């Protein structure tokens, strides 16, 4: 079984564990950032991490693996490969709220579903994906993530497996400590590519 320390070492070796002042997708600020795509660019890491997730859910008789775009989509595919099931992904709704299944993806009522994602901070994208699964009457077997930044505080009412658990402090924009506010802000993530001048 992959230990927390071994998972952390994969993030460190990949250059995925960053320190500074970061604006997270959730709107919170943090002095630590996990750049998952630094890990996901290495197929050998993806294969090892997803094999571990599959191993942890091998007795749950999972029939379908679902992930939110974008990182979760890649992970769902690889976990499904190890479980011998199919995978689909949930995309943002047209109004930017929630997650939906497009491209003809179907969930059979009662189908046993595992939801996987990359980094868990507040759990928003996982919750949206769970809502989409339940809307289609899927039977949620559990949630798996590469890393849980909440230190185990975020729960979904089903088994949650995190390969890496870190208790990383986050701050609301109006409650920044002086030491963090003094560090220049860095915005991370693919959404920055859509901004003029980014």
N, C-alpha and C. Protein backbone atom coordinates (compact mmCIF):
# COMPACT_ATOMS: atom_id res chain seq x y z
N UNK A 1 0.84 -1.20 0.00
CA UNK A 1 0.00 0.00 0.00
C UNK A 1 0.88 1.25 0.00
N UNK A 2 0.53 2.21 -0.83
CA UNK A 2 1.24 3.47 -0.91
C UNK A 2 0.99 4.27 0.36
N UNK A 3 2.06 4.70 1.02
CA UNK A 3 1.91 5.47 2.24
C UNK A 3 1.77 6.96 1.93
N UNK A 4 1.32 7.72 2.93
CA UNK A 4 1.21 9.17 2.79
C UNK A 4 2.56 9.78 2.43
N UNK A 5 3.62 9.32 3.10
CA UNK A 5 4.97 9.84 2.84
C UNK A 5 5.43 9.54 1.42
N UNK A 6 5.09 8.34 0.92
CA UNK A 6 5.47 7.98 -0.44
C UNK A 6 4.73 8.84 -1.47
N UNK A 7 3.45 9.11 -1.21
CA UNK A 7 2.68 9.97 -2.10
C UNK A 7 3.25 11.39 -2.07
N UNK A 8 3.60 11.87 -0.89
CA UNK A 8 4.19 13.21 -0.77
C UNK A 8 5.51 13.29 -1.55
N UNK A 9 6.28 12.22 -1.50
CA UNK A 9 7.56 12.20 -2.21
C UNK A 9 7.35 12.31 -3.72
N UNK A 10 6.28 11.69 -4.24
CA UNK A 10 5.96 11.80 -5.66
C UNK A 10 5.67 13.25 -6.03
N UNK A 11 4.91 13.94 -5.18
CA UNK A 11 4.62 15.35 -5.44
C UNK A 11 5.89 16.19 -5.38
N UNK A 12 6.74 15.91 -4.41
CA UNK A 12 7.98 16.68 -4.28
C UNK A 12 8.91 16.43 -5.46
N UNK A 13 9.10 15.18 -5.82
CA UNK A 13 9.99 14.83 -6.93
C UNK A 13 9.52 15.44 -8.24
N UNK A 14 8.21 15.60 -8.39
CA UNK A 14 7.64 16.14 -9.62
C UNK A 14 7.67 17.67 -9.66
N UNK A 15 8.05 18.29 -8.55
CA UNK A 15 8.02 19.75 -8.48
C UNK A 15 6.62 20.29 -8.30
N UNK A 16 5.73 19.47 -7.73
CA UNK A 16 4.32 19.84 -7.60
C UNK A 16 3.99 20.52 -6.29
N UNK A 17 4.89 20.49 -5.32
CA UNK A 17 4.64 21.10 -4.02
C UNK A 17 5.30 22.49 -4.01
N UNK A 18 4.47 23.53 -4.09
CA UNK A 18 4.97 24.89 -4.23
C UNK A 18 4.68 25.71 -2.98
N UNK A 19 5.56 26.66 -2.69
CA UNK A 19 5.36 27.56 -1.56
C UNK A 19 5.42 29.00 -2.02
N UNK A 20 4.58 29.85 -1.42
CA UNK A 20 4.51 31.26 -1.80
C UNK A 20 3.20 31.84 -1.30
N UNK A 21 2.50 32.59 -2.15
CA UNK A 21 1.18 33.15 -1.83
C UNK A 21 0.29 32.89 -3.04
N UNK A 22 -0.67 31.99 -2.85
CA UNK A 22 -1.46 31.51 -3.98
C UNK A 22 -2.94 31.79 -3.78
N UNK A 23 -3.59 32.19 -4.88
CA UNK A 23 -5.04 32.30 -4.91
C UNK A 23 -5.58 30.98 -5.46
N UNK A 24 -6.36 30.27 -4.66
CA UNK A 24 -6.88 28.97 -5.05
C UNK A 24 -8.18 29.13 -5.85
N UNK A 25 -8.56 28.08 -6.56
CA UNK A 25 -9.80 28.10 -7.35
C UNK A 25 -11.01 28.37 -6.46
N UNK A 26 -10.93 27.99 -5.19
CA UNK A 26 -12.02 28.20 -4.25
C UNK A 26 -12.18 29.65 -3.84
N UNK A 27 -11.19 30.51 -4.17
CA UNK A 27 -11.22 31.90 -3.75
C UNK A 27 -10.41 32.16 -2.50
N UNK A 28 -10.01 31.09 -1.82
CA UNK A 28 -9.17 31.22 -0.63
C UNK A 28 -7.71 31.46 -1.03
N UNK A 29 -6.94 31.94 -0.06
CA UNK A 29 -5.51 32.14 -0.26
C UNK A 29 -4.74 31.11 0.57
N UNK A 30 -3.57 30.72 0.10
CA UNK A 30 -2.77 29.72 0.80
C UNK A 30 -1.29 29.97 0.56
N UNK A 31 -0.46 29.51 1.49
CA UNK A 31 0.99 29.61 1.33
C UNK A 31 1.55 28.35 0.66
N UNK A 32 0.70 27.36 0.44
CA UNK A 32 1.11 26.10 -0.19
C UNK A 32 0.18 25.78 -1.34
N UNK A 33 0.75 25.33 -2.45
CA UNK A 33 -0.05 24.98 -3.62
C UNK A 33 0.43 23.65 -4.16
N UNK A 34 -0.52 22.79 -4.51
CA UNK A 34 -0.19 21.52 -5.15
C UNK A 34 -0.53 21.64 -6.64
N UNK A 35 0.50 21.70 -7.47
CA UNK A 35 0.30 21.79 -8.92
C UNK A 35 0.22 20.38 -9.49
N UNK A 36 -1.01 19.87 -9.50
CA UNK A 36 -1.22 18.46 -9.86
C UNK A 36 -0.67 18.09 -11.22
N UNK A 37 -0.70 19.02 -12.17
CA UNK A 37 -0.26 18.67 -13.52
C UNK A 37 1.25 18.45 -13.60
N UNK A 38 1.99 18.89 -12.60
CA UNK A 38 3.40 18.53 -12.53
C UNK A 38 3.55 17.03 -12.26
N UNK A 39 2.59 16.45 -11.54
CA UNK A 39 2.57 15.01 -11.31
C UNK A 39 1.96 14.29 -12.51
N UNK A 40 0.84 14.83 -13.01
CA UNK A 40 0.09 14.14 -14.06
C UNK A 40 0.81 14.11 -15.41
N UNK A 41 1.89 14.89 -15.56
CA UNK A 41 2.64 14.84 -16.81
C UNK A 41 3.49 13.57 -16.93
N UNK A 42 3.61 12.84 -15.82
CA UNK A 42 4.43 11.63 -15.82
C UNK A 42 3.54 10.38 -15.80
N UNK A 43 3.43 9.66 -16.92
CA UNK A 43 2.56 8.49 -16.96
C UNK A 43 2.87 7.46 -15.88
N UNK A 44 4.16 7.31 -15.51
CA UNK A 44 4.49 6.31 -14.50
C UNK A 44 3.91 6.69 -13.13
N UNK A 45 3.83 8.00 -12.83
CA UNK A 45 3.21 8.42 -11.57
C UNK A 45 1.70 8.22 -11.62
N UNK A 46 1.09 8.60 -12.74
CA UNK A 46 -0.36 8.44 -12.89
C UNK A 46 -0.73 6.97 -12.77
N UNK A 47 0.03 6.12 -13.42
CA UNK A 47 -0.25 4.67 -13.37
C UNK A 47 -0.14 4.15 -11.94
N UNK A 48 0.90 4.54 -11.22
CA UNK A 48 1.09 4.05 -9.85
C UNK A 48 0.00 4.56 -8.91
N UNK A 49 -0.31 5.84 -9.01
CA UNK A 49 -1.31 6.43 -8.12
C UNK A 49 -2.70 5.87 -8.40
N UNK A 50 -3.04 5.70 -9.67
CA UNK A 50 -4.36 5.20 -10.01
C UNK A 50 -4.50 3.71 -9.71
N UNK A 51 -3.41 2.97 -9.85
CA UNK A 51 -3.45 1.56 -9.46
C UNK A 51 -3.72 1.44 -7.96
N UNK A 52 -3.15 2.36 -7.18
CA UNK A 52 -3.38 2.36 -5.73
C UNK A 52 -4.84 2.66 -5.41
N UNK A 53 -5.44 3.65 -6.10
CA UNK A 53 -6.86 3.94 -5.88
C UNK A 53 -7.70 2.72 -6.22
N UNK A 54 -7.42 2.11 -7.36
CA UNK A 54 -8.18 0.92 -7.77
C UNK A 54 -8.06 -0.19 -6.74
N UNK A 55 -6.87 -0.37 -6.20
CA UNK A 55 -6.64 -1.41 -5.19
C UNK A 55 -7.51 -1.16 -3.95
N UNK A 56 -7.63 0.10 -3.57
CA UNK A 56 -8.40 0.43 -2.36
C UNK A 56 -9.90 0.24 -2.54
N UNK A 57 -10.36 0.20 -3.80
CA UNK A 57 -11.80 0.03 -4.06
C UNK A 57 -12.11 -1.29 -4.78
N UNK A 58 -11.16 -2.20 -4.80
CA UNK A 58 -11.34 -3.43 -5.58
C UNK A 58 -12.48 -4.30 -5.06
N UNK A 59 -12.82 -4.18 -3.77
CA UNK A 59 -13.88 -5.01 -3.19
C UNK A 59 -15.24 -4.33 -3.21
N UNK A 60 -15.33 -3.16 -3.81
CA UNK A 60 -16.60 -2.41 -3.84
C UNK A 60 -17.43 -2.69 -5.08
N UNK A 61 -16.94 -3.57 -5.95
CA UNK A 61 -17.67 -3.93 -7.17
C UNK A 61 -18.06 -2.70 -7.99
N UNK A 62 -17.11 -1.79 -8.15
CA UNK A 62 -17.34 -0.57 -8.91
C UNK A 62 -17.59 -0.92 -10.38
N UNK A 63 -18.60 -0.30 -10.96
CA UNK A 63 -18.95 -0.54 -12.36
C UNK A 63 -18.63 0.64 -13.26
N UNK A 64 -18.42 1.81 -12.67
CA UNK A 64 -18.18 3.03 -13.44
C UNK A 64 -17.34 3.99 -12.60
N UNK A 65 -16.34 4.60 -13.24
CA UNK A 65 -15.52 5.62 -12.56
C UNK A 65 -15.79 6.95 -13.24
N UNK A 66 -16.07 7.97 -12.41
CA UNK A 66 -16.44 9.30 -12.91
C UNK A 66 -15.50 10.34 -12.31
N UNK A 67 -15.04 11.26 -13.14
CA UNK A 67 -14.23 12.37 -12.66
C UNK A 67 -14.69 13.68 -13.25
N UNK A 68 -14.50 14.79 -12.53
CA UNK A 68 -14.77 16.10 -13.12
C UNK A 68 -13.63 16.50 -14.03
N UNK A 69 -13.92 17.29 -15.06
CA UNK A 69 -12.85 17.82 -15.90
C UNK A 69 -11.99 18.76 -15.06
N UNK A 70 -10.70 18.84 -15.26
CA UNK A 70 -9.91 18.19 -16.29
C UNK A 70 -9.09 17.06 -15.67
N UNK A 71 -8.45 17.33 -14.53
CA UNK A 71 -7.60 16.30 -13.92
C UNK A 71 -8.35 15.04 -13.57
N UNK A 72 -9.57 15.18 -13.07
CA UNK A 72 -10.37 14.03 -12.69
C UNK A 72 -10.72 13.15 -13.86
N UNK A 73 -10.80 13.74 -15.04
CA UNK A 73 -11.11 12.99 -16.27
C UNK A 73 -9.98 12.01 -16.57
N UNK A 74 -8.76 12.50 -16.50
CA UNK A 74 -7.59 11.66 -16.76
C UNK A 74 -7.49 10.54 -15.72
N UNK A 75 -7.69 10.90 -14.45
CA UNK A 75 -7.58 9.92 -13.36
C UNK A 75 -8.69 8.87 -13.45
N UNK A 76 -9.90 9.30 -13.79
CA UNK A 76 -11.01 8.35 -13.90
C UNK A 76 -10.71 7.30 -14.96
N UNK A 77 -10.15 7.72 -16.07
CA UNK A 77 -9.80 6.78 -17.14
C UNK A 77 -8.80 5.74 -16.65
N UNK A 78 -7.76 6.21 -15.97
CA UNK A 78 -6.70 5.29 -15.54
C UNK A 78 -7.17 4.36 -14.42
N UNK A 79 -7.97 4.88 -13.48
CA UNK A 79 -8.51 4.03 -12.42
C UNK A 79 -9.43 2.98 -13.02
N UNK A 80 -10.28 3.40 -13.98
CA UNK A 80 -11.20 2.46 -14.62
C UNK A 80 -10.43 1.35 -15.33
N UNK A 81 -9.30 1.70 -15.93
CA UNK A 81 -8.47 0.69 -16.61
C UNK A 81 -8.04 -0.39 -15.63
N UNK A 82 -7.64 0.02 -14.44
CA UNK A 82 -7.18 -0.95 -13.44
C UNK A 82 -8.34 -1.75 -12.83
N UNK A 83 -9.53 -1.15 -12.80
CA UNK A 83 -10.70 -1.85 -12.25
C UNK A 83 -11.42 -2.68 -13.31
N UNK A 84 -11.06 -2.47 -14.59
CA UNK A 84 -11.73 -3.21 -15.66
C UNK A 84 -13.14 -2.70 -15.93
N UNK A 85 -13.36 -1.39 -15.71
CA UNK A 85 -14.68 -0.80 -15.93
C UNK A 85 -14.56 0.29 -16.99
N UNK A 86 -15.65 1.00 -17.22
CA UNK A 86 -15.59 2.16 -18.09
C UNK A 86 -15.47 3.43 -17.25
N UNK A 87 -15.16 4.54 -17.92
CA UNK A 87 -15.07 5.82 -17.23
C UNK A 87 -15.76 6.89 -18.06
N UNK A 88 -16.31 7.89 -17.35
CA UNK A 88 -16.88 9.06 -18.00
C UNK A 88 -16.47 10.28 -17.20
N UNK A 89 -16.77 11.47 -17.74
CA UNK A 89 -16.42 12.66 -17.00
C UNK A 89 -17.58 13.65 -16.99
N UNK A 90 -17.57 14.48 -15.94
CA UNK A 90 -18.61 15.49 -15.75
C UNK A 90 -18.03 16.86 -16.04
N UNK A 91 -18.72 17.62 -16.90
CA UNK A 91 -18.27 18.94 -17.29
C UNK A 91 -19.11 20.02 -16.62
N UNK A 92 -18.59 21.23 -16.61
CA UNK A 92 -19.35 22.35 -16.06
C UNK A 92 -20.64 22.55 -16.85
N UNK A 93 -21.69 22.97 -16.15
CA UNK A 93 -22.94 23.27 -16.82
C UNK A 93 -22.81 24.51 -17.69
N UNK A 94 -23.77 24.73 -18.58
CA UNK A 94 -23.72 25.86 -19.51
C UNK A 94 -23.62 27.20 -18.79
N UNK A 95 -24.21 27.29 -17.60
CA UNK A 95 -24.17 28.53 -16.83
C UNK A 95 -22.97 28.59 -15.90
N UNK A 96 -22.07 27.59 -16.02
CA UNK A 96 -20.88 27.56 -15.16
C UNK A 96 -21.14 27.03 -13.77
N UNK A 97 -22.36 26.59 -13.52
CA UNK A 97 -22.74 26.08 -12.19
C UNK A 97 -22.97 24.59 -12.28
N UNK A 98 -22.47 23.86 -11.30
CA UNK A 98 -22.69 22.42 -11.25
C UNK A 98 -21.94 21.66 -12.33
N UNK A 99 -22.23 20.36 -12.41
CA UNK A 99 -21.60 19.48 -13.40
C UNK A 99 -22.68 18.70 -14.13
N UNK A 100 -22.41 18.42 -15.40
CA UNK A 100 -23.37 17.68 -16.22
C UNK A 100 -22.62 16.64 -17.05
N UNK A 101 -23.36 15.64 -17.51
CA UNK A 101 -22.81 14.65 -18.42
C UNK A 101 -23.27 14.98 -19.84
N UNK A 102 -22.30 15.06 -20.74
CA UNK A 102 -22.59 15.34 -22.14
C UNK A 102 -22.04 14.18 -22.97
N UNK A 103 -21.94 14.38 -24.28
CA UNK A 103 -21.29 13.46 -25.20
C UNK A 103 -21.94 12.06 -25.20
N UNK A 104 -23.20 12.02 -24.80
CA UNK A 104 -23.92 10.75 -24.80
C UNK A 104 -23.63 9.86 -23.60
N UNK A 105 -22.88 10.37 -22.61
CA UNK A 105 -22.58 9.56 -21.42
C UNK A 105 -23.85 9.23 -20.66
N UNK A 106 -23.95 7.99 -20.22
CA UNK A 106 -25.13 7.52 -19.49
C UNK A 106 -24.70 6.82 -18.21
N UNK A 107 -25.54 6.93 -17.19
CA UNK A 107 -25.40 6.14 -15.97
C UNK A 107 -26.69 5.35 -15.81
N UNK A 108 -26.57 4.05 -15.71
CA UNK A 108 -27.74 3.20 -15.49
C UNK A 108 -28.18 3.33 -14.04
N UNK A 109 -29.47 3.51 -13.76
CA UNK A 109 -29.92 3.56 -12.37
C UNK A 109 -29.41 2.36 -11.57
N UNK A 110 -28.79 2.65 -10.44
CA UNK A 110 -28.24 1.60 -9.59
C UNK A 110 -26.80 1.22 -9.92
N UNK A 111 -26.25 1.78 -10.99
CA UNK A 111 -24.86 1.47 -11.36
C UNK A 111 -23.92 1.95 -10.25
N UNK A 112 -22.96 1.10 -9.90
CA UNK A 112 -22.06 1.35 -8.77
C UNK A 112 -20.91 2.26 -9.24
N UNK A 113 -20.86 3.47 -8.68
CA UNK A 113 -19.99 4.53 -9.18
C UNK A 113 -18.93 4.93 -8.15
N UNK A 114 -17.71 5.11 -8.65
CA UNK A 114 -16.63 5.70 -7.87
C UNK A 114 -16.30 7.05 -8.48
N UNK A 115 -16.26 8.10 -7.67
CA UNK A 115 -15.89 9.44 -8.13
C UNK A 115 -14.44 9.69 -7.76
N UNK A 116 -13.64 10.12 -8.72
CA UNK A 116 -12.23 10.42 -8.46
C UNK A 116 -11.90 11.85 -8.90
N UNK A 117 -10.98 12.48 -8.18
CA UNK A 117 -10.53 13.82 -8.54
C UNK A 117 -9.07 13.98 -8.10
N UNK A 118 -8.49 15.11 -8.45
CA UNK A 118 -7.07 15.33 -8.17
C UNK A 118 -6.84 15.91 -6.78
N UNK A 119 -7.09 17.21 -6.59
CA UNK A 119 -6.80 17.87 -5.32
C UNK A 119 -8.10 18.28 -4.65
N UNK A 120 -8.28 17.90 -3.39
CA UNK A 120 -9.46 18.24 -2.61
C UNK A 120 -9.12 19.39 -1.67
N UNK A 121 -9.83 20.50 -1.83
CA UNK A 121 -9.66 21.64 -0.91
C UNK A 121 -10.96 21.88 -0.17
N UNK A 122 -11.98 22.35 -0.89
CA UNK A 122 -13.30 22.54 -0.27
C UNK A 122 -14.28 21.44 -0.70
N UNK A 123 -13.94 20.71 -1.77
CA UNK A 123 -14.80 19.62 -2.24
C UNK A 123 -15.86 20.05 -3.22
N UNK A 124 -15.79 21.28 -3.73
CA UNK A 124 -16.84 21.77 -4.62
C UNK A 124 -17.03 20.96 -5.88
N UNK A 125 -15.96 20.68 -6.61
CA UNK A 125 -16.11 19.94 -7.87
C UNK A 125 -16.52 18.50 -7.62
N UNK A 126 -16.06 17.92 -6.51
CA UNK A 126 -16.48 16.55 -6.17
C UNK A 126 -17.97 16.53 -5.83
N UNK A 127 -18.42 17.49 -5.04
CA UNK A 127 -19.84 17.55 -4.69
C UNK A 127 -20.71 17.72 -5.94
N UNK A 128 -20.28 18.59 -6.84
CA UNK A 128 -21.03 18.79 -8.07
C UNK A 128 -21.10 17.51 -8.90
N UNK A 129 -20.00 16.76 -8.91
CA UNK A 129 -19.97 15.49 -9.66
C UNK A 129 -20.86 14.46 -8.99
N UNK A 130 -20.82 14.41 -7.67
CA UNK A 130 -21.70 13.50 -6.92
C UNK A 130 -23.16 13.84 -7.21
N UNK A 131 -23.50 15.12 -7.22
CA UNK A 131 -24.88 15.54 -7.51
C UNK A 131 -25.31 15.05 -8.89
N UNK A 132 -24.40 15.15 -9.87
CA UNK A 132 -24.73 14.69 -11.23
C UNK A 132 -24.93 13.18 -11.25
N UNK A 133 -24.09 12.44 -10.52
CA UNK A 133 -24.23 10.98 -10.43
C UNK A 133 -25.58 10.62 -9.81
N UNK A 134 -25.93 11.29 -8.74
CA UNK A 134 -27.18 10.98 -8.04
C UNK A 134 -28.40 11.39 -8.86
N UNK A 135 -28.27 12.47 -9.64
CA UNK A 135 -29.35 12.88 -10.51
C UNK A 135 -29.69 11.77 -11.50
N UNK A 136 -28.68 11.01 -11.90
CA UNK A 136 -28.86 9.89 -12.83
C UNK A 136 -29.05 8.56 -12.09
N UNK A 137 -29.25 8.65 -10.77
CA UNK A 137 -29.56 7.49 -9.93
C UNK A 137 -28.43 6.48 -9.84
N UNK A 138 -27.18 6.98 -9.97
CA UNK A 138 -26.03 6.11 -9.73
C UNK A 138 -25.89 5.81 -8.25
N UNK A 139 -25.32 4.67 -7.93
CA UNK A 139 -25.10 4.24 -6.54
C UNK A 139 -23.65 4.57 -6.18
N UNK A 140 -23.45 5.60 -5.37
CA UNK A 140 -22.11 6.09 -5.06
C UNK A 140 -21.40 5.17 -4.07
N UNK A 141 -20.29 4.57 -4.52
CA UNK A 141 -19.51 3.65 -3.69
C UNK A 141 -18.43 4.36 -2.88
N UNK A 142 -18.01 5.54 -3.33
CA UNK A 142 -16.97 6.25 -2.61
C UNK A 142 -16.36 7.34 -3.47
N UNK A 143 -15.41 8.03 -2.85
CA UNK A 143 -14.67 9.11 -3.50
C UNK A 143 -13.19 8.86 -3.25
N UNK A 144 -12.37 9.11 -4.27
CA UNK A 144 -10.92 8.99 -4.13
C UNK A 144 -10.27 10.22 -4.73
N UNK A 145 -9.24 10.73 -4.06
CA UNK A 145 -8.49 11.88 -4.56
C UNK A 145 -7.00 11.61 -4.42
N UNK A 146 -6.23 12.28 -5.26
CA UNK A 146 -4.77 12.17 -5.10
C UNK A 146 -4.34 12.81 -3.80
N UNK A 147 -4.86 14.02 -3.53
CA UNK A 147 -4.44 14.74 -2.33
C UNK A 147 -5.61 15.46 -1.69
N UNK A 148 -5.66 15.38 -0.37
CA UNK A 148 -6.67 16.07 0.43
C UNK A 148 -5.98 17.17 1.21
N UNK A 149 -6.17 18.42 0.76
CA UNK A 149 -5.55 19.58 1.43
C UNK A 149 -6.28 19.96 2.71
N UNK A 150 -7.45 19.39 2.96
CA UNK A 150 -8.26 19.79 4.12
C UNK A 150 -7.86 19.05 5.39
N UNK A 151 -6.90 18.13 5.28
CA UNK A 151 -6.50 17.36 6.46
C UNK A 151 -7.56 16.40 6.94
N UNK A 152 -8.44 15.97 6.04
CA UNK A 152 -9.49 15.02 6.41
C UNK A 152 -10.77 15.69 6.89
N UNK A 153 -10.84 17.00 6.81
CA UNK A 153 -12.03 17.72 7.31
C UNK A 153 -13.20 17.67 6.34
N UNK A 154 -12.93 17.50 5.05
CA UNK A 154 -14.00 17.47 4.05
C UNK A 154 -14.51 16.04 3.89
N UNK A 155 -15.82 15.86 4.06
CA UNK A 155 -16.43 14.54 3.97
C UNK A 155 -17.63 14.58 3.02
N UNK A 156 -17.98 13.41 2.48
CA UNK A 156 -19.06 13.33 1.51
C UNK A 156 -20.12 12.30 1.89
N UNK A 157 -20.03 11.72 3.07
CA UNK A 157 -21.02 10.74 3.50
C UNK A 157 -20.81 9.35 2.92
N UNK A 158 -19.70 9.16 2.22
CA UNK A 158 -19.32 7.85 1.68
C UNK A 158 -17.82 7.68 1.95
N UNK A 159 -17.28 6.47 1.79
CA UNK A 159 -15.84 6.29 2.01
C UNK A 159 -15.02 7.24 1.14
N UNK A 160 -14.04 7.90 1.75
CA UNK A 160 -13.14 8.80 1.05
C UNK A 160 -11.72 8.29 1.21
N UNK A 161 -11.04 8.08 0.09
CA UNK A 161 -9.64 7.66 0.11
C UNK A 161 -8.79 8.76 -0.51
N UNK A 162 -7.84 9.26 0.26
CA UNK A 162 -6.88 10.25 -0.24
C UNK A 162 -5.50 9.62 -0.17
N UNK A 163 -4.77 9.65 -1.28
CA UNK A 163 -3.43 9.06 -1.28
C UNK A 163 -2.45 9.93 -0.49
N UNK A 164 -2.72 11.24 -0.47
CA UNK A 164 -1.91 12.18 0.29
C UNK A 164 -2.84 13.08 1.09
N UNK A 165 -2.61 13.18 2.38
CA UNK A 165 -3.41 14.07 3.23
C UNK A 165 -2.49 15.11 3.84
N UNK A 166 -2.82 16.37 3.60
CA UNK A 166 -2.09 17.50 4.17
C UNK A 166 -3.08 18.43 4.83
N UNK A 167 -2.73 18.96 5.98
CA UNK A 167 -3.57 19.96 6.63
C UNK A 167 -2.99 21.32 6.30
N UNK A 168 -3.39 21.86 5.15
CA UNK A 168 -2.86 23.12 4.65
C UNK A 168 -3.82 24.25 5.00
N UNK A 169 -3.33 25.23 5.73
CA UNK A 169 -4.18 26.34 6.14
C UNK A 169 -4.54 27.20 4.95
N UNK A 170 -5.81 27.61 4.90
CA UNK A 170 -6.26 28.51 3.85
C UNK A 170 -6.93 29.71 4.52
N UNK A 171 -6.93 30.85 3.81
CA UNK A 171 -7.43 32.08 4.39
C UNK A 171 -8.40 32.77 3.44
N UNK A 172 -9.48 33.31 4.00
CA UNK A 172 -10.41 34.11 3.21
C UNK A 172 -9.70 35.39 2.78
N UNK A 173 -10.08 35.95 1.61
CA UNK A 173 -9.40 37.14 1.10
C UNK A 173 -9.39 38.31 2.08
N UNK A 174 -10.43 38.41 2.93
CA UNK A 174 -10.50 39.52 3.88
C UNK A 174 -9.91 39.18 5.25
N UNK A 175 -9.23 38.03 5.33
CA UNK A 175 -8.65 37.62 6.61
C UNK A 175 -7.22 37.11 6.44
N UNK A 176 -6.46 37.78 5.56
CA UNK A 176 -5.08 37.35 5.32
C UNK A 176 -4.17 37.79 6.46
N UNK A 177 -3.34 36.87 6.95
CA UNK A 177 -2.34 37.29 7.94
C UNK A 177 -1.31 38.20 7.27
N UNK A 178 -0.68 39.06 8.07
CA UNK A 178 0.27 40.03 7.52
C UNK A 178 1.42 39.36 6.78
N UNK A 179 1.91 38.22 7.32
CA UNK A 179 3.06 37.55 6.71
C UNK A 179 2.72 37.03 5.31
N UNK A 180 1.46 36.60 5.11
CA UNK A 180 1.07 36.11 3.79
C UNK A 180 0.78 37.27 2.84
N UNK A 181 0.13 38.31 3.35
CA UNK A 181 -0.17 39.48 2.52
C UNK A 181 1.09 40.14 2.00
N UNK A 182 2.21 39.98 2.72
CA UNK A 182 3.47 40.59 2.31
C UNK A 182 4.13 39.87 1.13
N UNK A 183 3.67 38.65 0.84
CA UNK A 183 4.23 37.86 -0.27
C UNK A 183 3.43 38.15 -1.53
N UNK A 184 4.09 38.46 -2.65
CA UNK A 184 3.34 38.72 -3.90
C UNK A 184 2.42 37.55 -4.26
N UNK A 185 1.23 37.89 -4.70
CA UNK A 185 0.21 36.90 -5.02
C UNK A 185 0.49 36.23 -6.36
N UNK A 186 0.36 34.91 -6.38
CA UNK A 186 0.47 34.13 -7.60
C UNK A 186 -0.86 33.41 -7.83
N UNK A 187 -1.43 33.57 -9.01
CA UNK A 187 -2.64 32.83 -9.36
C UNK A 187 -2.23 31.63 -10.20
N UNK A 188 -2.72 30.46 -9.85
CA UNK A 188 -2.37 29.24 -10.56
C UNK A 188 -3.61 28.66 -11.20
N UNK A 189 -3.39 27.74 -12.15
CA UNK A 189 -4.50 27.01 -12.74
C UNK A 189 -4.77 27.41 -14.17
N UNK A 190 -5.44 26.53 -14.91
CA UNK A 190 -5.69 26.75 -16.33
C UNK A 190 -6.63 27.90 -16.57
N UNK A 191 -7.45 28.28 -15.57
CA UNK A 191 -8.38 29.40 -15.78
C UNK A 191 -7.62 30.69 -16.04
N UNK A 192 -6.37 30.76 -15.58
CA UNK A 192 -5.56 31.96 -15.79
C UNK A 192 -5.23 32.14 -17.28
N UNK A 193 -5.24 31.08 -18.03
CA UNK A 193 -4.92 31.16 -19.45
C UNK A 193 -5.99 31.91 -20.23
N UNK A 194 -7.18 32.02 -19.63
CA UNK A 194 -8.28 32.68 -20.31
C UNK A 194 -8.29 34.18 -20.06
N UNK A 195 -7.47 34.65 -19.13
CA UNK A 195 -7.46 36.07 -18.77
C UNK A 195 -6.56 36.86 -19.70
N UNK A 196 -6.99 38.04 -20.13
CA UNK A 196 -6.14 38.88 -20.99
C UNK A 196 -4.81 39.16 -20.31
N UNK A 197 -3.74 39.03 -21.06
CA UNK A 197 -2.41 39.31 -20.52
C UNK A 197 -1.82 38.19 -19.72
N UNK A 198 -2.55 37.08 -19.55
CA UNK A 198 -2.02 35.97 -18.75
C UNK A 198 -1.01 35.18 -19.55
